[in-house]
């Protein structure tokens, strides 16, 4: 009974995260190996696994997340940096979010209020 409840809790929390915390995972009725939605769902699950690994193991990611204040704001800052500035690596992006960054003689620090 405890094993079943633990599994149910893990599944519910995972799907809640995928639906409500920035992944926009929704049910799609086009199941099967010939449907693109299955490929997208598998890619999303892979991204979720990488994200969970970073949350647990990457101190730089954790610092960026703390600075942003929420996952939604973290992803917004990440997207804006991708659109606006060239970076050499994800490490540089996480450092920019966590600690600010330097542009043409200026230091840009995010307002955390």
PDB file of N, CA and C in Angstrom:
ATOM      1  N   UNK A   1       0.823  -1.165   0.000  1.00  0.00           N
ATOM      2  CA  UNK A   1       0.000   0.000   0.000  1.00  0.00           C
ATOM      3  C   UNK A   1       0.886   1.255   0.000  1.00  0.00           C
ATOM      4  N   UNK A   2       1.912   1.265   0.877  1.00  0.00           N
ATOM      5  CA  UNK A   2       2.782   2.437   0.929  1.00  0.00           C
ATOM      6  C   UNK A   2       3.534   2.619  -0.391  1.00  0.00           C
ATOM      7  N   UNK A   3       3.947   1.497  -0.991  1.00  0.00           N
ATOM      8  CA  UNK A   3       4.641   1.570  -2.281  1.00  0.00           C
ATOM      9  C   UNK A   3       3.754   2.161  -3.369  1.00  0.00           C
ATOM     10  N   UNK A   4       2.490   1.731  -3.386  1.00  0.00           N
ATOM     11  CA  UNK A   4       1.551   2.256  -4.368  1.00  0.00           C
ATOM     12  C   UNK A   4       1.291   3.734  -4.179  1.00  0.00           C
ATOM     13  N   UNK A   5       1.143   4.163  -2.938  1.00  0.00           N
ATOM     14  CA  UNK A   5       0.915   5.578  -2.664  1.00  0.00           C
ATOM     15  C   UNK A   5       2.139   6.419  -3.015  1.00  0.00           C
ATOM     16  N   UNK A   6       3.331   5.888  -2.727  1.00  0.00           N
ATOM     17  CA  UNK A   6       4.559   6.618  -3.078  1.00  0.00           C
ATOM     18  C   UNK A   6       4.670   6.782  -4.583  1.00  0.00           C
ATOM     19  N   UNK A   7       4.370   5.714  -5.326  1.00  0.00           N
ATOM     20  CA  UNK A   7       4.415   5.799  -6.796  1.00  0.00           C
ATOM     21  C   UNK A   7       3.390   6.802  -7.309  1.00  0.00           C
ATOM     22  N   UNK A   8       2.195   6.776  -6.761  1.00  0.00           N
ATOM     23  CA  UNK A   8       1.140   7.699  -7.170  1.00  0.00           C
ATOM     24  C   UNK A   8       1.563   9.143  -6.906  1.00  0.00           C
ATOM     25  N   UNK A   9       2.182   9.392  -5.738  1.00  0.00           N
ATOM     26  CA  UNK A   9       2.633  10.738  -5.386  1.00  0.00           C
ATOM     27  C   UNK A   9       3.713  11.218  -6.359  1.00  0.00           C
ATOM     28  N   UNK A  10       4.673  10.352  -6.676  1.00  0.00           N
ATOM     29  CA  UNK A  10       5.743  10.716  -7.607  1.00  0.00           C
ATOM     30  C   UNK A  10       5.157  11.046  -8.976  1.00  0.00           C
ATOM     31  N   UNK A  11       4.256  10.197  -9.465  1.00  0.00           N
ATOM     32  CA  UNK A  11       3.650  10.444 -10.775  1.00  0.00           C
ATOM     33  C   UNK A  11       2.864  11.748 -10.782  1.00  0.00           C
ATOM     34  N   UNK A  12       2.054  11.979  -9.747  1.00  0.00           N
ATOM     35  CA  UNK A  12       1.259  13.206  -9.712  1.00  0.00           C
ATOM     36  C   UNK A  12       2.135  14.448  -9.645  1.00  0.00           C
ATOM     37  N   UNK A  13       3.188  14.421  -8.828  1.00  0.00           N
ATOM     38  CA  UNK A  13       4.070  15.584  -8.728  1.00  0.00           C
ATOM     39  C   UNK A  13       4.822  15.829 -10.038  1.00  0.00           C
ATOM     40  N   UNK A  14       5.245  14.755 -10.695  1.00  0.00           N
ATOM     41  CA  UNK A  14       5.954  14.906 -11.972  1.00  0.00           C
ATOM     42  C   UNK A  14       5.040  15.518 -13.014  1.00  0.00           C
ATOM     43  N   UNK A  15       3.843  14.977 -13.168  1.00  0.00           N
ATOM     44  CA  UNK A  15       2.939  15.510 -14.181  1.00  0.00           C
ATOM     45  C   UNK A  15       2.457  16.911 -13.832  1.00  0.00           C
ATOM     46  N   UNK A  16       2.286  17.210 -12.546  1.00  0.00           N
ATOM     47  CA  UNK A  16       1.930  18.563 -12.139  1.00  0.00           C
ATOM     48  C   UNK A  16       3.032  19.538 -12.541  1.00  0.00           C
ATOM     49  N   UNK A  17       4.284  19.153 -12.309  1.00  0.00           N
ATOM     50  CA  UNK A  17       5.413  19.995 -12.713  1.00  0.00           C
ATOM     51  C   UNK A  17       5.419  20.192 -14.221  1.00  0.00           C
ATOM     52  N   UNK A  18       5.233  19.120 -14.975  1.00  0.00           N
ATOM     53  CA  UNK A  18       5.255  19.226 -16.436  1.00  0.00           C
ATOM     54  C   UNK A  18       4.115  20.088 -16.974  1.00  0.00           C
ATOM     55  N   UNK A  19       2.973  20.070 -16.325  1.00  0.00           N
ATOM     56  CA  UNK A  19       1.836  20.857 -16.801  1.00  0.00           C
ATOM     57  C   UNK A  19       1.886  22.307 -16.344  1.00  0.00           C
ATOM     58  N   UNK A  20       2.356  22.564 -15.123  1.00  0.00           N
ATOM     59  CA  UNK A  20       2.147  23.873 -14.516  1.00  0.00           C
ATOM     60  C   UNK A  20       3.397  24.679 -14.215  1.00  0.00           C
ATOM     61  N   UNK A  21       4.583  24.152 -14.486  1.00  0.00           N
ATOM     62  CA  UNK A  21       5.781  24.888 -14.121  1.00  0.00           C
ATOM     63  C   UNK A  21       6.680  25.162 -15.318  1.00  0.00           C
ATOM     64  N   UNK A  22       6.089  25.539 -16.426  1.00  0.00           N
ATOM     65  CA  UNK A  22       6.871  26.025 -17.545  1.00  0.00           C
ATOM     66  C   UNK A  22       7.067  25.069 -18.703  1.00  0.00           C
ATOM     67  N   UNK A  23       6.709  23.801 -18.538  1.00  0.00           N
ATOM     68  CA  UNK A  23       6.908  22.855 -19.635  1.00  0.00           C
ATOM     69  C   UNK A  23       5.722  22.817 -20.596  1.00  0.00           C
ATOM     70  N   UNK A  24       4.562  23.261 -20.158  1.00  0.00           N
ATOM     71  CA  UNK A  24       3.341  23.331 -20.975  1.00  0.00           C
ATOM     72  C   UNK A  24       2.959  21.969 -21.554  1.00  0.00           C
ATOM     73  N   UNK A  25       3.110  20.932 -20.773  1.00  0.00           N
ATOM     74  CA  UNK A  25       2.772  19.582 -21.207  1.00  0.00           C
ATOM     75  C   UNK A  25       1.268  19.399 -21.116  1.00  0.00           C
ATOM     76  N   UNK A  26       0.640  19.087 -22.209  1.00  0.00           N
ATOM     77  CA  UNK A  26      -0.801  18.872 -22.256  1.00  0.00           C
ATOM     78  C   UNK A  26      -1.086  17.522 -22.898  1.00  0.00           C
ATOM     79  N   UNK A  27      -2.251  16.992 -22.636  1.00  0.00           N
ATOM     80  CA  UNK A  27      -2.629  15.718 -23.237  1.00  0.00           C
ATOM     81  C   UNK A  27      -2.876  15.920 -24.733  1.00  0.00           C
ATOM     82  N   UNK A  28      -2.375  14.998 -25.523  1.00  0.00           N
ATOM     83  CA  UNK A  28      -2.606  15.009 -26.955  1.00  0.00           C
ATOM     84  C   UNK A  28      -3.121  13.637 -27.339  1.00  0.00           C
ATOM     85  N   UNK A  29      -4.174  13.584 -28.100  1.00  0.00           N
ATOM     86  CA  UNK A  29      -4.801  12.312 -28.418  1.00  0.00           C
ATOM     87  C   UNK A  29      -4.139  11.600 -29.592  1.00  0.00           C
ATOM     88  N   UNK A  30      -3.091  12.160 -30.176  1.00  0.00           N
ATOM     89  CA  UNK A  30      -2.402  11.519 -31.296  1.00  0.00           C
ATOM     90  C   UNK A  30      -1.290  10.609 -30.818  1.00  0.00           C
ATOM     91  N   UNK A  31      -1.640   9.514 -30.167  1.00  0.00           N
ATOM     92  CA  UNK A  31      -0.628   8.584 -29.671  1.00  0.00           C
ATOM     93  C   UNK A  31      -0.195   7.628 -30.774  1.00  0.00           C
ATOM     94  N   UNK A  32       0.943   7.015 -30.583  1.00  0.00           N
ATOM     95  CA  UNK A  32       1.444   6.032 -31.532  1.00  0.00           C
ATOM     96  C   UNK A  32       2.783   6.459 -32.085  1.00  0.00           C
ATOM     97  N   UNK A  33       3.499   5.529 -32.655  1.00  0.00           N
ATOM     98  CA  UNK A  33       4.851   5.804 -33.139  1.00  0.00           C
ATOM     99  C   UNK A  33       4.864   6.664 -34.405  1.00  0.00           C
ATOM    100  N   UNK A  34       3.747   6.812 -35.085  1.00  0.00           N
ATOM    101  CA  UNK A  34       3.699   7.601 -36.314  1.00  0.00           C
ATOM    102  C   UNK A  34       3.258   9.040 -36.069  1.00  0.00           C
ATOM    103  N   UNK A  35       3.163   9.446 -34.840  1.00  0.00           N
ATOM    104  CA  UNK A  35       2.674  10.777 -34.529  1.00  0.00           C
ATOM    105  C   UNK A  35       3.778  11.637 -33.935  1.00  0.00           C
ATOM    106  N   UNK A  36       3.882  12.840 -34.414  1.00  0.00           N
ATOM    107  CA  UNK A  36       4.913  13.761 -33.953  1.00  0.00           C
ATOM    108  C   UNK A  36       4.737  14.125 -32.480  1.00  0.00           C
ATOM    109  N   UNK A  37       3.521  14.089 -31.987  1.00  0.00           N
ATOM    110  CA  UNK A  37       3.282  14.442 -30.591  1.00  0.00           C
ATOM    111  C   UNK A  37       4.031  13.513 -29.645  1.00  0.00           C
ATOM    112  N   UNK A  38       4.200  12.250 -30.020  1.00  0.00           N
ATOM    113  CA  UNK A  38       4.940  11.306 -29.186  1.00  0.00           C
ATOM    114  C   UNK A  38       6.400  11.717 -29.121  1.00  0.00           C
ATOM    115  N   UNK A  39       6.959  12.143 -30.245  1.00  0.00           N
ATOM    116  CA  UNK A  39       8.351  12.593 -30.278  1.00  0.00           C
ATOM    117  C   UNK A  39       8.510  13.820 -29.395  1.00  0.00           C
ATOM    118  N   UNK A  40       7.595  14.768 -29.504  1.00  0.00           N
ATOM    119  CA  UNK A  40       7.657  15.968 -28.665  1.00  0.00           C
ATOM    120  C   UNK A  40       7.540  15.606 -27.184  1.00  0.00           C
ATOM    121  N   UNK A  41       6.665  14.692 -26.850  1.00  0.00           N
ATOM    122  CA  UNK A  41       6.513  14.274 -25.456  1.00  0.00           C
ATOM    123  C   UNK A  41       7.794  13.623 -24.950  1.00  0.00           C
ATOM    124  N   UNK A  42       8.439  12.796 -25.776  1.00  0.00           N
ATOM    125  CA  UNK A  42       9.693  12.169 -25.366  1.00  0.00           C
ATOM    126  C   UNK A  42      10.797  13.204 -25.189  1.00  0.00           C
ATOM    127  N   UNK A  43      10.873  14.183 -26.083  1.00  0.00           N
ATOM    128  CA  UNK A  43      11.867  15.248 -25.938  1.00  0.00           C
ATOM    129  C   UNK A  43      11.614  16.073 -24.680  1.00  0.00           C
ATOM    130  N   UNK A  44      10.339  16.319 -24.371  1.00  0.00           N
ATOM    131  CA  UNK A  44      10.010  17.068 -23.167  1.00  0.00           C
ATOM    132  C   UNK A  44      10.415  16.285 -21.924  1.00  0.00           C
ATOM    133  N   UNK A  45      10.195  14.976 -21.934  1.00  0.00           N
ATOM    134  CA  UNK A  45      10.592  14.160 -20.786  1.00  0.00           C
ATOM    135  C   UNK A  45      12.115  14.148 -20.636  1.00  0.00           C
ATOM    136  N   UNK A  46      12.831  14.137 -21.753  1.00  0.00           N
ATOM    137  CA  UNK A  46      14.297  14.211 -21.697  1.00  0.00           C
ATOM    138  C   UNK A  46      14.736  15.551 -21.113  1.00  0.00           C
ATOM    139  N   UNK A  47      14.114  16.647 -21.561  1.00  0.00           N
ATOM    140  CA  UNK A  47      14.434  17.972 -21.016  1.00  0.00           C
ATOM    141  C   UNK A  47      14.117  18.032 -19.528  1.00  0.00           C
ATOM    142  N   UNK A  48      13.018  17.415 -19.134  1.00  0.00           N
ATOM    143  CA  UNK A  48      12.642  17.383 -17.722  1.00  0.00           C
ATOM    144  C   UNK A  48      13.691  16.625 -16.905  1.00  0.00           C
ATOM    145  N   UNK A  49      14.188  15.510 -17.429  1.00  0.00           N
ATOM    146  CA  UNK A  49      15.214  14.731 -16.725  1.00  0.00           C
ATOM    147  C   UNK A  49      16.498  15.545 -16.562  1.00  0.00           C
ATOM    148  N   UNK A  50      16.904  16.251 -17.623  1.00  0.00           N
ATOM    149  CA  UNK A  50      18.103  17.093 -17.545  1.00  0.00           C
ATOM    150  C   UNK A  50      17.886  18.205 -16.514  1.00  0.00           C
ATOM    151  N   UNK A  51      16.715  18.818 -16.541  1.00  0.00           N
ATOM    152  CA  UNK A  51      16.398  19.888 -15.603  1.00  0.00           C
ATOM    153  C   UNK A  51      16.443  19.385 -14.165  1.00  0.00           C
ATOM    154  N   UNK A  52      15.861  18.228 -13.906  1.00  0.00           N
ATOM    155  CA  UNK A  52      15.866  17.678 -12.558  1.00  0.00           C
ATOM    156  C   UNK A  52      17.285  17.353 -12.098  1.00  0.00           C
ATOM    157  N   UNK A  53      18.112  16.860 -13.009  1.00  0.00           N
ATOM    158  CA  UNK A  53      19.506  16.569 -12.686  1.00  0.00           C
ATOM    159  C   UNK A  53      20.239  17.853 -12.333  1.00  0.00           C
ATOM    160  N   UNK A  54      20.014  18.909 -13.109  1.00  0.00           N
ATOM    161  CA  UNK A  54      20.650  20.192 -12.804  1.00  0.00           C
ATOM    162  C   UNK A  54      20.184  20.745 -11.465  1.00  0.00           C
ATOM    163  N   UNK A  55      18.912  20.622 -11.179  1.00  0.00           N
ATOM    164  CA  UNK A  55      18.402  21.130  -9.902  1.00  0.00           C
ATOM    165  C   UNK A  55      19.089  20.458  -8.728  1.00  0.00           C
ATOM    166  N   UNK A  56      19.405  19.192  -8.876  1.00  0.00           N
ATOM    167  CA  UNK A  56      20.009  18.456  -7.772  1.00  0.00           C
ATOM    168  C   UNK A  56      21.525  18.592  -7.712  1.00  0.00           C
ATOM    169  N   UNK A  57      22.189  18.722  -8.871  1.00  0.00           N
ATOM    170  CA  UNK A  57      23.641  18.575  -8.898  1.00  0.00           C
ATOM    171  C   UNK A  57      24.424  19.828  -9.274  1.00  0.00           C
ATOM    172  N   UNK A  58      23.814  20.781  -9.963  1.00  0.00           N
ATOM    173  CA  UNK A  58      24.569  21.929 -10.488  1.00  0.00           C
ATOM    174  C   UNK A  58      24.398  23.149  -9.571  1.00  0.00           C
ATOM    175  N   UNK A  59      25.468  23.505  -8.867  1.00  0.00           N
ATOM    176  CA  UNK A  59      25.396  24.644  -7.959  1.00  0.00           C
ATOM    177  C   UNK A  59      25.193  25.955  -8.706  1.00  0.00           C
ATOM    178  N   UNK A  60      25.730  26.077  -9.910  1.00  0.00           N
ATOM    179  CA  UNK A  60      25.554  27.292 -10.697  1.00  0.00           C
ATOM    180  C   UNK A  60      24.086  27.460 -11.112  1.00  0.00           C
ATOM    181  N   UNK A  61      23.453  26.371 -11.536  1.00  0.00           N
ATOM    182  CA  UNK A  61      22.022  26.404 -11.859  1.00  0.00           C
ATOM    183  C   UNK A  61      21.217  26.814 -10.630  1.00  0.00           C
ATOM    184  N   UNK A  62      21.548  26.240  -9.478  1.00  0.00           N
ATOM    185  CA  UNK A  62      20.842  26.563  -8.244  1.00  0.00           C
ATOM    186  C   UNK A  62      21.002  28.041  -7.882  1.00  0.00           C
ATOM    187  N   UNK A  63      22.205  28.596  -8.110  1.00  0.00           N
ATOM    188  CA  UNK A  63      22.432  30.021  -7.836  1.00  0.00           C
ATOM    189  C   UNK A  63      21.609  30.892  -8.779  1.00  0.00           C
ATOM    190  N   UNK A  64      21.530  30.504 -10.053  1.00  0.00           N
ATOM    191  CA  UNK A  64      20.732  31.259 -11.018  1.00  0.00           C
ATOM    192  C   UNK A  64      19.251  31.190 -10.661  1.00  0.00           C
ATOM    193  N   UNK A  65      18.795  30.029 -10.250  1.00  0.00           N
ATOM    194  CA  UNK A  65      17.396  29.846  -9.863  1.00  0.00           C
ATOM    195  C   UNK A  65      17.073  30.685  -8.627  1.00  0.00           C
ATOM    196  N   UNK A  66      17.983  30.692  -7.666  1.00  0.00           N
ATOM    197  CA  UNK A  66      17.794  31.502  -6.458  1.00  0.00           C
ATOM    198  C   UNK A  66      17.733  32.985  -6.808  1.00  0.00           C
ATOM    199  N   UNK A  67      18.625  33.428  -7.678  1.00  0.00           N
ATOM    200  CA  UNK A  67      18.643  34.839  -8.084  1.00  0.00           C
ATOM    201  C   UNK A  67      17.360  35.224  -8.811  1.00  0.00           C
ATOM    202  N   UNK A  68      16.882  34.337  -9.682  1.00  0.00           N
ATOM    203  CA  UNK A  68      15.655  34.627 -10.430  1.00  0.00           C
ATOM    204  C   UNK A  68      14.438  34.639  -9.506  1.00  0.00           C
ATOM    205  N   UNK A  69      14.438  33.800  -8.507  1.00  0.00           N
ATOM    206  CA  UNK A  69      13.337  33.788  -7.560  1.00  0.00           C
ATOM    207  C   UNK A  69      12.268  32.754  -7.834  1.00  0.00           C
ATOM    208  N   UNK A  70      12.072  32.394  -9.083  1.00  0.00           N
ATOM    209  CA  UNK A  70      11.106  31.350  -9.437  1.00  0.00           C
ATOM    210  C   UNK A  70      11.547  30.724 -10.743  1.00  0.00           C
ATOM    211  N   UNK A  71      11.028  29.538 -10.995  1.00  0.00           N
ATOM    212  CA  UNK A  71      11.381  28.870 -12.255  1.00  0.00           C
ATOM    213  C   UNK A  71      10.873  29.660 -13.461  1.00  0.00           C
ATOM    214  N   UNK A  72       9.678  30.203 -13.348  1.00  0.00           N
ATOM    215  CA  UNK A  72       9.117  30.964 -14.468  1.00  0.00           C
ATOM    216  C   UNK A  72      10.038  32.123 -14.831  1.00  0.00           C
ATOM    217  N   UNK A  73      10.498  32.872 -13.834  1.00  0.00           N
ATOM    218  CA  UNK A  73      11.402  33.990 -14.108  1.00  0.00           C
ATOM    219  C   UNK A  73      12.762  33.509 -14.614  1.00  0.00           C
ATOM    220  N   UNK A  74      13.213  32.371 -14.108  1.00  0.00           N
ATOM    221  CA  UNK A  74      14.477  31.815 -14.594  1.00  0.00           C
ATOM    222  C   UNK A  74      14.388  31.512 -16.083  1.00  0.00           C
ATOM    223  N   UNK A  75      13.294  30.862 -16.509  1.00  0.00           N
ATOM    224  CA  UNK A  75      13.141  30.532 -17.930  1.00  0.00           C
ATOM    225  C   UNK A  75      12.958  31.794 -18.770  1.00  0.00           C
ATOM    226  N   UNK A  76      12.280  32.806 -18.243  1.00  0.00           N
ATOM    227  CA  UNK A  76      12.131  34.060 -18.982  1.00  0.00           C
ATOM    228  C   UNK A  76      13.481  34.729 -19.194  1.00  0.00           C
ATOM    229  N   UNK A  77      14.308  34.777 -18.158  1.00  0.00           N
ATOM    230  CA  UNK A  77      15.645  35.366 -18.296  1.00  0.00           C
ATOM    231  C   UNK A  77      16.505  34.556 -19.254  1.00  0.00           C
ATOM    232  N   UNK A  78      16.403  33.247 -19.153  1.00  0.00           N
ATOM    233  CA  UNK A  78      17.161  32.380 -20.062  1.00  0.00           C
ATOM    234  C   UNK A  78      16.779  32.655 -21.511  1.00  0.00           C
ATOM    235  N   UNK A  79      15.480  32.709 -21.790  1.00  0.00           N
ATOM    236  CA  UNK A  79      15.021  32.989 -23.156  1.00  0.00           C
ATOM    237  C   UNK A  79      15.467  34.371 -23.621  1.00  0.00           C
ATOM    238  N   UNK A  80      15.364  35.371 -22.767  1.00  0.00           N
ATOM    239  CA  UNK A  80      15.749  36.712 -23.185  1.00  0.00           C
ATOM    240  C   UNK A  80      17.240  36.785 -23.485  1.00  0.00           C
ATOM    241  N   UNK A  81      18.066  36.102 -22.705  1.00  0.00           N
ATOM    242  CA  UNK A  81      19.504  36.098 -22.988  1.00  0.00           C
ATOM    243  C   UNK A  81      19.808  35.370 -24.293  1.00  0.00           C
ATOM    244  N   UNK A  82      19.091  34.286 -24.572  1.00  0.00           N
ATOM    245  CA  UNK A  82      19.275  33.586 -25.846  1.00  0.00           C
ATOM    246  C   UNK A  82      18.956  34.500 -27.026  1.00  0.00           C
ATOM    247  N   UNK A  83      17.890  35.283 -26.893  1.00  0.00           N
ATOM    248  CA  UNK A  83      17.466  36.150 -27.989  1.00  0.00           C
ATOM    249  C   UNK A  83      18.381  37.356 -28.183  1.00  0.00           C
ATOM    250  N   UNK A  84      18.919  37.892 -27.109  1.00  0.00           N
ATOM    251  CA  UNK A  84      19.596  39.177 -27.179  1.00  0.00           C
ATOM    252  C   UNK A  84      21.117  39.125 -27.267  1.00  0.00           C
ATOM    253  N   UNK A  85      21.752  38.144 -26.645  1.00  0.00           N
ATOM    254  CA  UNK A  85      23.205  38.169 -26.524  1.00  0.00           C
ATOM    255  C   UNK A  85      23.831  36.837 -26.918  1.00  0.00           C
ATOM    256  N   UNK A  86      25.035  36.906 -27.493  1.00  0.00           N
ATOM    257  CA  UNK A  86      25.727  35.655 -27.797  1.00  0.00           C
ATOM    258  C   UNK A  86      26.478  35.145 -26.560  1.00  0.00           C
ATOM    259  N   UNK A  87      26.297  33.888 -26.245  1.00  0.00           N
ATOM    260  CA  UNK A  87      27.025  33.242 -25.155  1.00  0.00           C
ATOM    261  C   UNK A  87      27.715  32.008 -25.706  1.00  0.00           C
ATOM    262  N   UNK A  88      28.859  31.670 -25.101  1.00  0.00           N
ATOM    263  CA  UNK A  88      29.629  30.522 -25.562  1.00  0.00           C
ATOM    264  C   UNK A  88      29.157  29.204 -24.964  1.00  0.00           C
ATOM    265  N   UNK A  89      28.458  29.271 -23.829  1.00  0.00           N
ATOM    266  CA  UNK A  89      28.068  28.036 -23.164  1.00  0.00           C
ATOM    267  C   UNK A  89      26.900  28.301 -22.217  1.00  0.00           C
ATOM    268  N   UNK A  90      26.283  27.213 -21.768  1.00  0.00           N
ATOM    269  CA  UNK A  90      25.228  27.334 -20.767  1.00  0.00           C
ATOM    270  C   UNK A  90      25.810  27.810 -19.448  1.00  0.00           C
ATOM    271  N   UNK A  91      27.052  27.448 -19.174  1.00  0.00           N
ATOM    272  CA  UNK A  91      27.697  27.927 -17.950  1.00  0.00           C
ATOM    273  C   UNK A  91      27.728  29.447 -17.928  1.00  0.00           C
ATOM    274  N   UNK A  92      28.061  30.060 -19.060  1.00  0.00           N
ATOM    275  CA  UNK A  92      28.102  31.520 -19.139  1.00  0.00           C
ATOM    276  C   UNK A  92      26.712  32.117 -18.928  1.00  0.00           C
ATOM    277  N   UNK A  93      25.682  31.461 -19.432  1.00  0.00           N
ATOM    278  CA  UNK A  93      24.318  31.961 -19.256  1.00  0.00           C
ATOM    279  C   UNK A  93      23.897  31.859 -17.793  1.00  0.00           C
ATOM    280  N   UNK A  94      24.167  30.712 -17.151  1.00  0.00           N
ATOM    281  CA  UNK A  94      23.813  30.566 -15.735  1.00  0.00           C
ATOM    282  C   UNK A  94      24.570  31.576 -14.891  1.00  0.00           C
ATOM    283  N   UNK A  95      25.851  31.829 -15.224  1.00  0.00           N
ATOM    284  CA  UNK A  95      26.625  32.827 -14.487  1.00  0.00           C
ATOM    285  C   UNK A  95      26.037  34.220 -14.678  1.00  0.00           C
ATOM    286  N   UNK A  96      25.609  34.535 -15.903  1.00  0.00           N
ATOM    287  CA  UNK A  96      25.011  35.844 -16.173  1.00  0.00           C
ATOM    288  C   UNK A  96      23.734  36.046 -15.364  1.00  0.00           C
ATOM    289  N   UNK A  97      22.920  35.000 -15.268  1.00  0.00           N
ATOM    290  CA  UNK A  97      21.682  35.111 -14.503  1.00  0.00           C
ATOM    291  C   UNK A  97      21.983  35.212 -13.013  1.00  0.00           C
ATOM    292  N   UNK A  98      22.927  34.416 -12.548  1.00  0.00           N
ATOM    293  CA  UNK A  98      23.205  34.355 -11.108  1.00  0.00           C
ATOM    294  C   UNK A  98      23.970  35.574 -10.607  1.00  0.00           C
ATOM    295  N   UNK A  99      24.940  36.053 -11.397  1.00  0.00           N
ATOM    296  CA  UNK A  99      25.863  37.063 -10.882  1.00  0.00           C
ATOM    297  C   UNK A  99      25.920  38.357 -11.703  1.00  0.00           C
ATOM    298  N   UNK A 100      25.112  38.471 -12.760  1.00  0.00           N
ATOM    299  CA  UNK A 100      25.199  39.633 -13.644  1.00  0.00           C
ATOM    300  C   UNK A 100      26.234  39.363 -14.731  1.00  0.00           C
ATOM    301  N   UNK A 101      26.375  40.305 -15.667  1.00  0.00           N
ATOM    302  CA  UNK A 101      27.328  40.113 -16.750  1.00  0.00           C
ATOM    303  C   UNK A 101      27.815  41.456 -17.256  1.00  0.00           C
ATOM    304  N   UNK A 102      28.856  41.433 -18.049  1.00  0.00           N
ATOM    305  CA  UNK A 102      29.546  42.636 -18.518  1.00  0.00           C
ATOM    306  C   UNK A 102      29.273  42.825 -20.017  1.00  0.00           C
ATOM    307  N   UNK A 103      28.849  44.043 -20.399  1.00  0.00           N
ATOM    308  CA  UNK A 103      28.626  44.367 -21.815  1.00  0.00           C
ATOM    309  C   UNK A 103      29.314  45.682 -22.126  1.00  0.00           C
ATOM    310  N   UNK A 104      30.248  45.699 -23.076  1.00  0.00           N
ATOM    311  CA  UNK A 104      30.880  46.919 -23.596  1.00  0.00           C
ATOM    312  C   UNK A 104      31.200  47.948 -22.508  1.00  0.00           C
ATOM    313  N   UNK A 105      31.992  47.556 -21.538  1.00  0.00           N
ATOM    314  CA  UNK A 105      32.403  48.494 -20.510  1.00  0.00           C
ATOM    315  C   UNK A 105      31.394  48.739 -19.409  1.00  0.00           C
ATOM    316  N   UNK A 106      30.243  48.070 -19.466  1.00  0.00           N
ATOM    317  CA  UNK A 106      29.219  48.219 -18.421  1.00  0.00           C
ATOM    318  C   UNK A 106      29.004  46.883 -17.726  1.00  0.00           C
ATOM    319  N   UNK A 107      28.619  46.941 -16.500  1.00  0.00           N
ATOM    320  CA  UNK A 107      28.213  45.735 -15.785  1.00  0.00           C
ATOM    321  C   UNK A 107      26.702  45.794 -15.649  1.00  0.00           C
ATOM    322  N   UNK A 108      26.044  44.732 -16.079  1.00  0.00           N
ATOM    323  CA  UNK A 108      24.591  44.654 -16.013  1.00  0.00           C
ATOM    324  C   UNK A 108      24.244  43.678 -14.901  1.00  0.00           C
ATOM    325  N   UNK A 109      23.473  44.126 -13.943  1.00  0.00           N
ATOM    326  CA  UNK A 109      23.043  43.266 -12.846  1.00  0.00           C
ATOM    327  C   UNK A 109      21.521  43.285 -12.848  1.00  0.00           C
ATOM    328  N   UNK A 110      20.937  42.113 -12.745  1.00  0.00           N
ATOM    329  CA  UNK A 110      19.484  42.025 -12.725  1.00  0.00           C
ATOM    330  C   UNK A 110      18.929  42.566 -11.420  1.00  0.00           C
ATOM    331  N   UNK A 111      17.853  43.311 -11.521  1.00  0.00           N
ATOM    332  CA  UNK A 111      17.157  43.800 -10.338  1.00  0.00           C
ATOM    333  C   UNK A 111      16.389  42.634  -9.723  1.00  0.00           C
ATOM    334  N   UNK A 112      16.720  42.302  -8.509  1.00  0.00           N
ATOM    335  CA  UNK A 112      16.080  41.146  -7.882  1.00  0.00           C
ATOM    336  C   UNK A 112      14.881  41.520  -7.020  1.00  0.00           C
ATOM    337  N   UNK A 113      14.419  42.764  -7.121  1.00  0.00           N
ATOM    338  CA  UNK A 113      13.274  43.159  -6.294  1.00  0.00           C
ATOM    339  C   UNK A 113      11.968  42.786  -6.943  1.00  0.00           C
TER     340      UNK A 113
END
